[in-house]
Amino acid sequence: MSTGIFGGTFDPIHIGHLRTALEMRALIGLDRMLLIPCGDPPHRENPMTAAADRLAMIERAVADEPSLVADSREIDRGGLSYTIDTLLELRAELGATEPLCLCIGMDSLVHIDGWRRWREFLDIAHIAVAARPGWQVPETGAVAQWLARHRVAEAGALLKAPAGAVFIEEMTLLPISATALRAMLASGESIRYLTPDGVIDYIHSQRLYVQ
């Protein structure tokens, strides 16, 4: 079974996350995309909302889409959520031959050399990058050299091997942010149509993001 990983704080999850995950899964031809909320992110401030609530919102968001799966492993593991640990855990579960794809944005790719043990990622998985129109890849430095060795032009290449390639696809990413949704909720504005109704119902029932 070919598997994608789409991680983040998801505080809260919204249609921008969901649409990108769905389009990337379809583009590559993955059997499933795991949406994995981080427990304790090492490179940014802690999420505003408890891990259990962020996971519950994801579960409600993907309830009607079988190809998108809420995965709690980083929360369950505890401690800082390092991508290398998640990749190793999934590779052990999938075996040596199943394709595994880490899906990230161009902003993450540009700074991936700051991630723990990043040079080992391609020994374990592929990396698929969603880029906004007008994107630019690094032209010099360690990431640029790494890309030159591993970048492929076709999404289909990611299903022909279990790991080892980087694929970049320009996508029209929806201009929605979790930060903006939290601000809207705090001021009493409606966020309908920016996230699934099940997520909105959960937010209101648990009184999340209320000042």
N, C-alpha and C. Protein backbone atom coordinates (compact mmCIF):
# COMPACT_ATOMS: atom_id res chain seq x y z
N MET A 1 0.84 -1.20 0.00
CA MET A 1 0.00 0.00 0.00
C MET A 1 0.88 1.25 0.00
N SER A 2 0.67 2.12 -0.96
CA SER A 2 1.44 3.37 -1.01
C SER A 2 0.81 4.39 -0.06
N THR A 3 1.67 5.10 0.67
CA THR A 3 1.22 5.96 1.76
C THR A 3 1.87 7.32 1.69
N GLY A 4 1.07 8.35 1.92
CA GLY A 4 1.59 9.71 2.05
C GLY A 4 1.46 10.19 3.48
N ILE A 5 2.32 11.12 3.85
CA ILE A 5 2.30 11.74 5.17
C ILE A 5 2.10 13.23 4.98
N PHE A 6 1.10 13.78 5.64
CA PHE A 6 0.83 15.22 5.58
C PHE A 6 0.72 15.69 7.03
N GLY A 7 1.74 16.37 7.51
CA GLY A 7 1.79 16.75 8.91
C GLY A 7 1.57 18.23 9.14
N GLY A 8 1.40 18.58 10.40
CA GLY A 8 1.23 19.98 10.77
C GLY A 8 0.64 20.08 12.17
N THR A 9 0.45 21.30 12.63
CA THR A 9 -0.21 21.48 13.92
C THR A 9 -1.72 21.33 13.79
N PHE A 10 -2.28 21.73 12.63
CA PHE A 10 -3.72 21.62 12.38
C PHE A 10 -4.51 22.26 13.54
N ASP A 11 -4.29 23.55 13.73
CA ASP A 11 -4.83 24.24 14.91
C ASP A 11 -5.65 25.48 14.51
N PRO A 12 -6.83 25.29 13.84
CA PRO A 12 -7.48 24.03 13.49
C PRO A 12 -7.20 23.63 12.04
N ILE A 13 -7.57 22.39 11.69
CA ILE A 13 -7.51 21.96 10.30
C ILE A 13 -8.54 22.75 9.49
N HIS A 14 -8.22 23.01 8.21
CA HIS A 14 -9.15 23.78 7.37
C HIS A 14 -9.11 23.25 5.94
N ILE A 15 -9.91 23.84 5.07
CA ILE A 15 -10.03 23.30 3.72
C ILE A 15 -8.75 23.47 2.91
N GLY A 16 -7.90 24.41 3.28
CA GLY A 16 -6.61 24.52 2.60
C GLY A 16 -5.78 23.27 2.83
N HIS A 17 -5.70 22.82 4.07
CA HIS A 17 -4.99 21.57 4.38
C HIS A 17 -5.62 20.40 3.62
N LEU A 18 -6.93 20.31 3.72
CA LEU A 18 -7.63 19.14 3.19
C LEU A 18 -7.53 19.07 1.67
N ARG A 19 -7.69 20.20 1.00
CA ARG A 19 -7.64 20.19 -0.46
C ARG A 19 -6.24 19.85 -0.95
N THR A 20 -5.21 20.40 -0.31
CA THR A 20 -3.84 20.09 -0.72
C THR A 20 -3.54 18.61 -0.50
N ALA A 21 -3.95 18.06 0.64
CA ALA A 21 -3.71 16.64 0.91
C ALA A 21 -4.41 15.77 -0.11
N LEU A 22 -5.65 16.11 -0.45
CA LEU A 22 -6.42 15.32 -1.40
C LEU A 22 -5.83 15.39 -2.80
N GLU A 23 -5.45 16.59 -3.24
CA GLU A 23 -4.88 16.75 -4.58
C GLU A 23 -3.53 16.07 -4.69
N MET A 24 -2.71 16.17 -3.66
CA MET A 24 -1.40 15.53 -3.71
C MET A 24 -1.53 14.01 -3.72
N ARG A 25 -2.46 13.48 -2.96
CA ARG A 25 -2.68 12.03 -2.97
C ARG A 25 -3.09 11.56 -4.36
N ALA A 26 -4.02 12.30 -5.00
CA ALA A 26 -4.49 11.92 -6.32
C ALA A 26 -3.41 12.08 -7.38
N LEU A 27 -2.64 13.16 -7.29
CA LEU A 27 -1.58 13.43 -8.27
C LEU A 27 -0.55 12.31 -8.29
N ILE A 28 -0.12 11.87 -7.12
CA ILE A 28 0.90 10.83 -7.04
C ILE A 28 0.28 9.45 -7.29
N GLY A 29 -0.99 9.30 -6.91
CA GLY A 29 -1.64 8.00 -7.00
C GLY A 29 -1.49 7.16 -5.75
N LEU A 30 -1.36 7.83 -4.61
CA LEU A 30 -1.21 7.13 -3.34
C LEU A 30 -2.51 6.47 -2.92
N ASP A 31 -2.41 5.36 -2.24
CA ASP A 31 -3.60 4.69 -1.72
C ASP A 31 -4.22 5.46 -0.56
N ARG A 32 -3.40 6.11 0.23
CA ARG A 32 -3.92 6.85 1.39
C ARG A 32 -2.96 7.97 1.75
N MET A 33 -3.53 9.00 2.38
CA MET A 33 -2.74 10.10 2.92
C MET A 33 -3.02 10.20 4.41
N LEU A 34 -1.98 10.06 5.22
CA LEU A 34 -2.11 10.17 6.66
C LEU A 34 -1.96 11.63 7.08
N LEU A 35 -2.95 12.16 7.76
CA LEU A 35 -2.85 13.50 8.32
C LEU A 35 -2.41 13.34 9.77
N ILE A 36 -1.20 13.80 10.06
CA ILE A 36 -0.57 13.53 11.35
C ILE A 36 -0.35 14.83 12.12
N PRO A 37 -1.17 15.09 13.13
CA PRO A 37 -0.93 16.29 13.94
C PRO A 37 0.28 16.10 14.85
N CYS A 38 1.14 17.10 14.89
CA CYS A 38 2.31 16.99 15.76
C CYS A 38 1.89 17.23 17.21
N GLY A 39 2.58 16.56 18.09
CA GLY A 39 2.29 16.74 19.50
C GLY A 39 2.98 17.97 20.05
N ASP A 40 4.29 18.02 19.89
CA ASP A 40 5.11 19.11 20.43
C ASP A 40 6.10 19.51 19.34
N PRO A 41 5.77 20.52 18.52
CA PRO A 41 6.63 20.87 17.38
C PRO A 41 7.95 21.46 17.82
N PRO A 42 9.08 21.00 17.25
CA PRO A 42 10.38 21.49 17.68
C PRO A 42 10.79 22.83 17.06
N HIS A 43 10.10 23.25 15.97
CA HIS A 43 10.56 24.43 15.24
C HIS A 43 9.61 25.62 15.33
N ARG A 44 8.57 25.53 16.17
CA ARG A 44 7.63 26.63 16.28
C ARG A 44 6.98 26.59 17.66
N GLU A 45 6.17 27.61 17.95
CA GLU A 45 5.51 27.66 19.25
C GLU A 45 4.54 26.49 19.39
N ASN A 46 4.29 26.11 20.63
CA ASN A 46 3.33 25.04 20.88
C ASN A 46 1.94 25.45 20.38
N PRO A 47 1.17 24.51 19.87
CA PRO A 47 -0.19 24.82 19.42
C PRO A 47 -1.02 25.40 20.55
N MET A 48 -2.01 26.21 20.18
CA MET A 48 -2.91 26.79 21.17
C MET A 48 -3.83 25.74 21.78
N THR A 49 -4.16 24.71 20.98
CA THR A 49 -5.19 23.74 21.36
C THR A 49 -4.56 22.41 21.73
N ALA A 50 -5.14 21.72 22.67
CA ALA A 50 -4.64 20.42 23.12
C ALA A 50 -4.59 19.42 21.97
N ALA A 51 -3.62 18.52 22.05
CA ALA A 51 -3.44 17.54 20.99
C ALA A 51 -4.69 16.71 20.75
N ALA A 52 -5.38 16.30 21.81
CA ALA A 52 -6.58 15.48 21.66
C ALA A 52 -7.65 16.22 20.88
N ASP A 53 -7.78 17.51 21.08
CA ASP A 53 -8.77 18.29 20.34
C ASP A 53 -8.37 18.45 18.88
N ARG A 54 -7.10 18.67 18.61
CA ARG A 54 -6.66 18.81 17.22
C ARG A 54 -6.86 17.49 16.46
N LEU A 55 -6.60 16.38 17.11
CA LEU A 55 -6.84 15.08 16.49
C LEU A 55 -8.33 14.86 16.25
N ALA A 56 -9.15 15.21 17.22
CA ALA A 56 -10.60 15.03 17.07
C ALA A 56 -11.13 15.86 15.90
N MET A 57 -10.60 17.05 15.70
CA MET A 57 -11.04 17.88 14.57
C MET A 57 -10.65 17.25 13.24
N ILE A 58 -9.45 16.68 13.17
CA ILE A 58 -9.04 16.00 11.94
C ILE A 58 -9.94 14.81 11.66
N GLU A 59 -10.23 14.04 12.68
CA GLU A 59 -11.11 12.87 12.50
C GLU A 59 -12.46 13.28 11.94
N ARG A 60 -12.99 14.37 12.41
CA ARG A 60 -14.27 14.85 11.90
C ARG A 60 -14.14 15.40 10.48
N ALA A 61 -13.02 16.03 10.19
CA ALA A 61 -12.81 16.62 8.87
C ALA A 61 -12.72 15.57 7.76
N VAL A 62 -12.16 14.41 8.08
CA VAL A 62 -11.93 13.39 7.04
C VAL A 62 -12.91 12.23 7.12
N ALA A 63 -13.93 12.36 7.94
CA ALA A 63 -14.84 11.24 8.18
C ALA A 63 -15.48 10.71 6.91
N ASP A 64 -15.71 11.58 5.92
CA ASP A 64 -16.38 11.17 4.69
C ASP A 64 -15.42 10.97 3.52
N GLU A 65 -14.13 10.95 3.78
CA GLU A 65 -13.14 10.78 2.71
C GLU A 65 -12.19 9.64 3.08
N PRO A 66 -12.43 8.42 2.56
CA PRO A 66 -11.66 7.25 2.98
C PRO A 66 -10.16 7.34 2.69
N SER A 67 -9.77 8.13 1.69
CA SER A 67 -8.35 8.19 1.33
C SER A 67 -7.54 9.09 2.25
N LEU A 68 -8.21 9.89 3.07
CA LEU A 68 -7.53 10.74 4.06
C LEU A 68 -7.77 10.14 5.44
N VAL A 69 -6.68 9.94 6.19
CA VAL A 69 -6.76 9.19 7.45
C VAL A 69 -6.11 9.99 8.57
N ALA A 70 -6.84 10.21 9.65
CA ALA A 70 -6.25 10.84 10.85
C ALA A 70 -5.35 9.84 11.55
N ASP A 71 -4.12 10.26 11.86
CA ASP A 71 -3.13 9.37 12.45
C ASP A 71 -2.55 10.04 13.69
N SER A 72 -2.61 9.35 14.81
CA SER A 72 -2.24 9.96 16.10
C SER A 72 -0.83 9.64 16.57
N ARG A 73 0.01 9.05 15.73
CA ARG A 73 1.27 8.49 16.22
C ARG A 73 2.20 9.53 16.87
N GLU A 74 2.26 10.74 16.36
CA GLU A 74 3.18 11.72 16.96
C GLU A 74 2.67 12.18 18.32
N ILE A 75 1.37 12.27 18.47
CA ILE A 75 0.78 12.61 19.77
C ILE A 75 1.00 11.46 20.75
N ASP A 76 0.74 10.23 20.28
CA ASP A 76 0.89 9.06 21.15
C ASP A 76 2.33 8.87 21.60
N ARG A 77 3.28 9.22 20.74
CA ARG A 77 4.69 8.99 21.05
C ARG A 77 5.17 9.90 22.17
N GLY A 78 4.63 11.09 22.24
CA GLY A 78 5.03 12.04 23.27
C GLY A 78 6.38 12.68 22.97
N GLY A 79 6.70 13.74 23.67
CA GLY A 79 7.96 14.44 23.45
C GLY A 79 7.92 15.25 22.16
N LEU A 80 9.06 15.79 21.78
CA LEU A 80 9.14 16.57 20.55
C LEU A 80 8.84 15.70 19.34
N SER A 81 8.07 16.24 18.40
CA SER A 81 7.65 15.49 17.22
C SER A 81 8.65 15.70 16.08
N TYR A 82 9.57 14.76 15.94
CA TYR A 82 10.56 14.83 14.87
C TYR A 82 10.12 13.96 13.69
N THR A 83 10.20 14.52 12.50
CA THR A 83 9.78 13.81 11.29
C THR A 83 10.56 12.52 11.08
N ILE A 84 11.83 12.52 11.40
CA ILE A 84 12.64 11.32 11.19
C ILE A 84 12.07 10.14 11.99
N ASP A 85 11.58 10.39 13.18
CA ASP A 85 11.02 9.31 14.00
C ASP A 85 9.75 8.75 13.37
N THR A 86 8.93 9.64 12.82
CA THR A 86 7.69 9.20 12.16
C THR A 86 8.00 8.40 10.91
N LEU A 87 8.96 8.84 10.13
CA LEU A 87 9.34 8.11 8.91
C LEU A 87 9.86 6.72 9.25
N LEU A 88 10.71 6.64 10.24
CA LEU A 88 11.26 5.34 10.63
C LEU A 88 10.17 4.40 11.14
N GLU A 89 9.24 4.94 11.90
CA GLU A 89 8.16 4.12 12.44
C GLU A 89 7.27 3.59 11.31
N LEU A 90 6.93 4.46 10.37
CA LEU A 90 6.08 4.03 9.27
C LEU A 90 6.80 3.04 8.35
N ARG A 91 8.08 3.27 8.11
CA ARG A 91 8.82 2.34 7.26
C ARG A 91 8.85 0.94 7.90
N ALA A 92 9.00 0.89 9.20
CA ALA A 92 9.00 -0.40 9.88
C ALA A 92 7.64 -1.09 9.73
N GLU A 93 6.57 -0.32 9.73
CA GLU A 93 5.24 -0.89 9.57
C GLU A 93 4.98 -1.34 8.13
N LEU A 94 5.42 -0.56 7.16
CA LEU A 94 5.11 -0.83 5.76
C LEU A 94 6.00 -1.89 5.15
N GLY A 95 7.17 -2.10 5.72
CA GLY A 95 8.14 -2.98 5.09
C GLY A 95 9.04 -2.21 4.15
N ALA A 96 9.96 -2.91 3.51
CA ALA A 96 11.01 -2.25 2.74
C ALA A 96 10.60 -1.82 1.35
N THR A 97 9.49 -2.34 0.81
CA THR A 97 9.20 -2.16 -0.61
C THR A 97 8.04 -1.23 -0.93
N GLU A 98 7.24 -0.86 0.06
CA GLU A 98 6.06 -0.03 -0.21
C GLU A 98 6.46 1.45 -0.33
N PRO A 99 5.95 2.17 -1.34
CA PRO A 99 6.25 3.60 -1.46
C PRO A 99 5.72 4.41 -0.28
N LEU A 100 6.54 5.31 0.22
CA LEU A 100 6.18 6.21 1.31
C LEU A 100 6.58 7.61 0.90
N CYS A 101 5.65 8.57 1.00
CA CYS A 101 5.91 9.93 0.54
C CYS A 101 5.63 10.94 1.65
N LEU A 102 6.61 11.73 1.98
CA LEU A 102 6.45 12.84 2.91
C LEU A 102 6.03 14.06 2.09
N CYS A 103 4.86 14.60 2.37
CA CYS A 103 4.33 15.73 1.61
C CYS A 103 4.49 17.02 2.42
N ILE A 104 5.17 18.00 1.83
CA ILE A 104 5.46 19.25 2.52
C ILE A 104 5.26 20.42 1.56
N GLY A 105 5.31 21.62 2.08
CA GLY A 105 5.24 22.82 1.26
C GLY A 105 6.62 23.32 0.89
N MET A 106 6.66 24.21 -0.10
CA MET A 106 7.94 24.76 -0.53
C MET A 106 8.64 25.51 0.59
N ASP A 107 7.87 26.16 1.48
CA ASP A 107 8.49 26.87 2.59
C ASP A 107 9.25 25.92 3.50
N SER A 108 8.73 24.71 3.65
CA SER A 108 9.44 23.70 4.45
C SER A 108 10.65 23.16 3.71
N LEU A 109 10.52 22.95 2.41
CA LEU A 109 11.65 22.43 1.63
C LEU A 109 12.85 23.38 1.71
N VAL A 110 12.60 24.66 1.59
CA VAL A 110 13.69 25.65 1.59
C VAL A 110 14.51 25.56 2.88
N HIS A 111 13.84 25.22 3.98
CA HIS A 111 14.52 25.18 5.28
C HIS A 111 14.71 23.76 5.80
N ILE A 112 14.61 22.77 4.94
CA ILE A 112 14.64 21.39 5.41
C ILE A 112 15.98 21.01 6.02
N ASP A 113 17.04 21.74 5.67
CA ASP A 113 18.35 21.44 6.25
C ASP A 113 18.41 21.78 7.73
N GLY A 114 17.36 22.41 8.26
CA GLY A 114 17.28 22.66 9.70
C GLY A 114 16.53 21.57 10.45
N TRP A 115 16.01 20.58 9.71
CA TRP A 115 15.27 19.50 10.34
C TRP A 115 16.24 18.42 10.83
N ARG A 116 15.87 17.77 11.88
CA ARG A 116 16.72 16.75 12.48
C ARG A 116 16.94 15.58 11.51
N ARG A 117 18.21 15.27 11.24
CA ARG A 117 18.62 14.12 10.41
C ARG A 117 17.97 14.15 9.03
N TRP A 118 17.86 15.35 8.45
CA TRP A 118 17.14 15.51 7.19
C TRP A 118 17.78 14.75 6.04
N ARG A 119 19.08 14.56 6.08
CA ARG A 119 19.74 13.84 4.98
C ARG A 119 19.35 12.36 4.94
N GLU A 120 18.77 11.87 6.01
CA GLU A 120 18.33 10.46 6.03
C GLU A 120 16.92 10.26 5.48
N PHE A 121 16.20 11.36 5.26
CA PHE A 121 14.79 11.24 4.86
C PHE A 121 14.63 10.38 3.60
N LEU A 122 15.46 10.64 2.60
CA LEU A 122 15.29 9.96 1.32
C LEU A 122 15.77 8.51 1.35
N ASP A 123 16.44 8.11 2.41
CA ASP A 123 16.73 6.68 2.59
C ASP A 123 15.47 5.92 3.01
N ILE A 124 14.49 6.67 3.50
CA ILE A 124 13.30 6.06 4.09
C ILE A 124 12.05 6.31 3.23
N ALA A 125 11.99 7.47 2.59
CA ALA A 125 10.78 7.90 1.89
C ALA A 125 11.12 8.80 0.71
N HIS A 126 10.12 9.09 -0.10
CA HIS A 126 10.19 10.17 -1.08
C HIS A 126 9.73 11.46 -0.40
N ILE A 127 9.96 12.58 -1.07
CA ILE A 127 9.41 13.85 -0.62
C ILE A 127 8.66 14.47 -1.78
N ALA A 128 7.39 14.81 -1.56
CA ALA A 128 6.56 15.50 -2.54
C ALA A 128 6.29 16.91 -2.03
N VAL A 129 6.53 17.90 -2.87
CA VAL A 129 6.46 19.30 -2.44
C VAL A 129 5.35 20.02 -3.19
N ALA A 130 4.46 20.67 -2.45
CA ALA A 130 3.42 21.52 -3.03
C ALA A 130 3.94 22.94 -3.04
N ALA A 131 4.03 23.52 -4.25
CA ALA A 131 4.60 24.85 -4.39
C ALA A 131 3.57 25.83 -4.93
N ARG A 132 3.58 27.03 -4.42
CA ARG A 132 2.70 28.08 -4.93
C ARG A 132 3.21 28.57 -6.28
N PRO A 133 2.32 29.12 -7.13
CA PRO A 133 2.77 29.72 -8.39
C PRO A 133 3.85 30.78 -8.14
N GLY A 134 4.89 30.76 -8.96
CA GLY A 134 5.99 31.70 -8.81
C GLY A 134 7.07 31.23 -7.86
N TRP A 135 6.99 29.98 -7.41
CA TRP A 135 7.95 29.44 -6.47
C TRP A 135 9.36 29.38 -7.07
N GLN A 136 10.31 29.35 -6.20
CA GLN A 136 11.70 29.18 -6.60
C GLN A 136 12.38 28.18 -5.66
N VAL A 137 13.14 27.27 -6.23
CA VAL A 137 13.91 26.35 -5.41
C VAL A 137 15.22 27.01 -5.03
N PRO A 138 15.85 26.56 -3.96
CA PRO A 138 17.17 27.09 -3.61
C PRO A 138 18.16 26.86 -4.75
N GLU A 139 18.98 27.84 -5.02
CA GLU A 139 19.95 27.75 -6.13
C GLU A 139 21.36 27.46 -5.65
N THR A 140 21.63 27.70 -4.40
CA THR A 140 22.95 27.41 -3.85
C THR A 140 22.78 26.77 -2.48
N GLY A 141 23.85 26.16 -2.01
CA GLY A 141 23.83 25.59 -0.67
C GLY A 141 23.49 24.11 -0.65
N ALA A 142 23.41 23.57 0.56
CA ALA A 142 23.24 22.13 0.75
C ALA A 142 21.93 21.62 0.17
N VAL A 143 20.83 22.38 0.35
CA VAL A 143 19.54 21.91 -0.17
C VAL A 143 19.54 21.90 -1.69
N ALA A 144 20.14 22.91 -2.31
CA ALA A 144 20.21 22.96 -3.77
C ALA A 144 20.99 21.76 -4.32
N GLN A 145 22.10 21.44 -3.71
CA GLN A 145 22.90 20.29 -4.16
C GLN A 145 22.15 18.98 -3.98
N TRP A 146 21.44 18.86 -2.88
CA TRP A 146 20.65 17.68 -2.58
C TRP A 146 19.53 17.51 -3.60
N LEU A 147 18.85 18.62 -3.93
CA LEU A 147 17.79 18.58 -4.93
C LEU A 147 18.32 18.17 -6.30
N ALA A 148 19.47 18.68 -6.66
CA ALA A 148 20.04 18.35 -7.96
C ALA A 148 20.28 16.86 -8.12
N ARG A 149 20.57 16.18 -7.04
CA ARG A 149 20.82 14.74 -7.10
C ARG A 149 19.53 13.91 -7.10
N HIS A 150 18.48 14.43 -6.47
CA HIS A 150 17.33 13.56 -6.18
C HIS A 150 16.02 13.98 -6.83
N ARG A 151 15.96 15.15 -7.44
CA ARG A 151 14.68 15.63 -7.99
C ARG A 151 14.27 14.85 -9.23
N VAL A 152 12.98 14.53 -9.32
CA VAL A 152 12.42 13.86 -10.49
C VAL A 152 11.33 14.76 -11.08
N ALA A 153 11.03 14.56 -12.36
CA ALA A 153 10.10 15.44 -13.06
C ALA A 153 8.66 14.94 -13.04
N GLU A 154 8.46 13.64 -12.81
CA GLU A 154 7.13 13.06 -12.91
C GLU A 154 6.68 12.48 -11.58
N ALA A 155 5.41 12.74 -11.22
CA ALA A 155 4.87 12.22 -9.97
C ALA A 155 4.87 10.70 -9.95
N GLY A 156 4.66 10.08 -11.10
CA GLY A 156 4.60 8.63 -11.17
C GLY A 156 5.87 7.94 -10.73
N ALA A 157 6.98 8.66 -10.77
CA ALA A 157 8.25 8.07 -10.34
C ALA A 157 8.23 7.68 -8.87
N LEU A 158 7.36 8.32 -8.10
CA LEU A 158 7.33 8.06 -6.66
C LEU A 158 6.69 6.72 -6.32
N LEU A 159 6.00 6.11 -7.27
CA LEU A 159 5.40 4.80 -7.02
C LEU A 159 6.26 3.66 -7.57
N LYS A 160 7.37 4.00 -8.20
CA LYS A 160 8.22 2.98 -8.81
C LYS A 160 9.33 2.50 -7.88
N ALA A 161 9.46 3.17 -6.74
CA ALA A 161 10.48 2.79 -5.74
C ALA A 161 9.94 3.17 -4.37
N PRO A 162 10.45 2.57 -3.32
CA PRO A 162 9.93 2.90 -1.99
C PRO A 162 10.37 4.26 -1.46
N ALA A 163 11.49 4.78 -1.96
CA ALA A 163 12.06 6.01 -1.39
C ALA A 163 13.09 6.57 -2.36
N GLY A 164 13.59 7.79 -2.06
CA GLY A 164 14.77 8.29 -2.74
C GLY A 164 14.60 9.47 -3.65
N ALA A 165 13.37 9.93 -3.94
CA ALA A 165 13.16 10.99 -4.92
C ALA A 165 12.46 12.19 -4.30
N VAL A 166 12.68 13.36 -4.92
CA VAL A 166 11.97 14.59 -4.56
C VAL A 166 11.19 15.05 -5.79
N PHE A 167 9.89 15.27 -5.63
CA PHE A 167 9.04 15.74 -6.70
C PHE A 167 8.40 17.05 -6.27
N ILE A 168 8.41 18.05 -7.15
CA ILE A 168 7.83 19.36 -6.86
C ILE A 168 6.71 19.63 -7.85
N GLU A 169 5.54 19.99 -7.34
CA GLU A 169 4.40 20.30 -8.18
C GLU A 169 3.82 21.66 -7.82
N GLU A 170 3.66 22.52 -8.83
CA GLU A 170 3.03 23.81 -8.60
C GLU A 170 1.53 23.60 -8.41
N MET A 171 0.99 24.12 -7.32
CA MET A 171 -0.42 23.97 -7.01
C MET A 171 -0.98 25.31 -6.59
N THR A 172 -2.25 25.55 -6.92
CA THR A 172 -2.92 26.77 -6.49
C THR A 172 -3.43 26.53 -5.07
N LEU A 173 -2.61 26.86 -4.10
CA LEU A 173 -2.94 26.61 -2.70
C LEU A 173 -3.94 27.65 -2.20
N LEU A 174 -4.95 27.20 -1.51
CA LEU A 174 -5.98 28.11 -1.03
C LEU A 174 -5.41 29.05 0.03
N PRO A 175 -5.70 30.35 -0.10
CA PRO A 175 -5.13 31.34 0.82
C PRO A 175 -5.86 31.40 2.16
N ILE A 176 -5.76 30.31 2.91
CA ILE A 176 -6.43 30.20 4.20
C ILE A 176 -5.38 29.82 5.24
N SER A 177 -5.45 30.41 6.40
CA SER A 177 -4.49 30.05 7.45
C SER A 177 -5.22 29.75 8.74
N ALA A 178 -4.64 28.84 9.52
CA ALA A 178 -5.20 28.53 10.83
C ALA A 178 -5.15 29.75 11.74
N THR A 179 -4.12 30.57 11.58
CA THR A 179 -4.01 31.79 12.38
C THR A 179 -5.20 32.69 12.15
N ALA A 180 -5.58 32.86 10.87
CA ALA A 180 -6.73 33.71 10.54
C ALA A 180 -8.02 33.13 11.10
N LEU A 181 -8.17 31.80 11.03
CA LEU A 181 -9.38 31.18 11.57
C LEU A 181 -9.48 31.38 13.08
N ARG A 182 -8.35 31.24 13.77
CA ARG A 182 -8.37 31.45 15.23
C ARG A 182 -8.78 32.89 15.56
N ALA A 183 -8.27 33.85 14.78
CA ALA A 183 -8.63 35.25 15.03
C ALA A 183 -10.10 35.50 14.77
N MET A 184 -10.63 34.88 13.71
CA MET A 184 -12.05 35.04 13.40
C MET A 184 -12.91 34.47 14.51
N LEU A 185 -12.55 33.29 14.99
CA LEU A 185 -13.31 32.66 16.06
C LEU A 185 -13.26 33.50 17.35
N ALA A 186 -12.08 34.03 17.64
CA ALA A 186 -11.93 34.83 18.86
C ALA A 186 -12.79 36.10 18.82
N SER A 187 -13.03 36.62 17.60
CA SER A 187 -13.83 37.84 17.47
C SER A 187 -15.30 37.55 17.18
N GLY A 188 -15.65 36.26 17.19
CA GLY A 188 -17.05 35.90 17.01
C GLY A 188 -17.51 35.80 15.58
N GLU A 189 -16.59 35.82 14.62
CA GLU A 189 -16.96 35.72 13.20
C GLU A 189 -17.20 34.26 12.81
N SER A 190 -17.99 34.07 11.78
CA SER A 190 -18.26 32.73 11.27
C SER A 190 -17.08 32.24 10.43
N ILE A 191 -16.75 30.96 10.58
CA ILE A 191 -15.74 30.35 9.72
C ILE A 191 -16.37 29.27 8.83
N ARG A 192 -17.66 29.35 8.64
CA ARG A 192 -18.34 28.37 7.79
C ARG A 192 -17.77 28.42 6.37
N TYR A 193 -17.62 27.26 5.77
CA TYR A 193 -17.06 27.04 4.43
C TYR A 193 -15.54 27.19 4.40
N LEU A 194 -14.92 27.49 5.53
CA LEU A 194 -13.46 27.51 5.60
C LEU A 194 -12.91 26.24 6.22
N THR A 195 -13.77 25.48 6.87
CA THR A 195 -13.43 24.19 7.43
C THR A 195 -14.73 23.38 7.47
N PRO A 196 -14.67 22.05 7.47
CA PRO A 196 -15.91 21.27 7.44
C PRO A 196 -16.82 21.56 8.63
N ASP A 197 -18.11 21.37 8.41
CA ASP A 197 -19.09 21.66 9.46
C ASP A 197 -18.84 20.85 10.73
N GLY A 198 -18.37 19.59 10.57
CA GLY A 198 -18.09 18.77 11.74
C GLY A 198 -17.01 19.38 12.63
N VAL A 199 -16.04 20.04 11.99
CA VAL A 199 -14.98 20.71 12.75
C VAL A 199 -15.56 21.92 13.48
N ILE A 200 -16.39 22.68 12.80
CA ILE A 200 -17.00 23.85 13.42
C ILE A 200 -17.86 23.44 14.61
N ASP A 201 -18.63 22.39 14.44
CA ASP A 201 -19.47 21.91 15.54
C ASP A 201 -18.62 21.52 16.74
N TYR A 202 -17.49 20.86 16.48
CA TYR A 202 -16.60 20.45 17.58
C TYR A 202 -16.00 21.68 18.26
N ILE A 203 -15.55 22.64 17.48
CA ILE A 203 -14.96 23.86 18.05
C ILE A 203 -15.95 24.54 18.99
N HIS A 204 -17.20 24.65 18.55
CA HIS A 204 -18.20 25.34 19.38
C HIS A 204 -18.59 24.51 20.60
N SER A 205 -18.68 23.19 20.42
CA SER A 205 -19.07 22.36 21.55
C SER A 205 -18.01 22.34 22.65
N GLN A 206 -16.74 22.46 22.24
CA GLN A 206 -15.65 22.44 23.21
C GLN A 206 -15.18 23.85 23.60
N ARG A 207 -15.83 24.84 23.01
CA ARG A 207 -15.49 26.25 23.27
C ARG A 207 -13.99 26.52 23.04
N LEU A 208 -13.52 26.08 21.89
CA LEU A 208 -12.13 26.30 21.52
C LEU A 208 -11.97 27.69 20.88
N TYR A 209 -10.78 28.26 21.04
CA TYR A 209 -10.40 29.52 20.42
C TYR A 209 -11.27 30.71 20.87
N VAL A 210 -11.86 30.58 22.04
CA VAL A 210 -12.68 31.66 22.58
C VAL A 210 -11.83 32.47 23.55
N GLN A 211 -11.89 33.78 23.42
CA GLN A 211 -11.11 34.65 24.29
C GLN A 211 -11.62 34.58 25.73
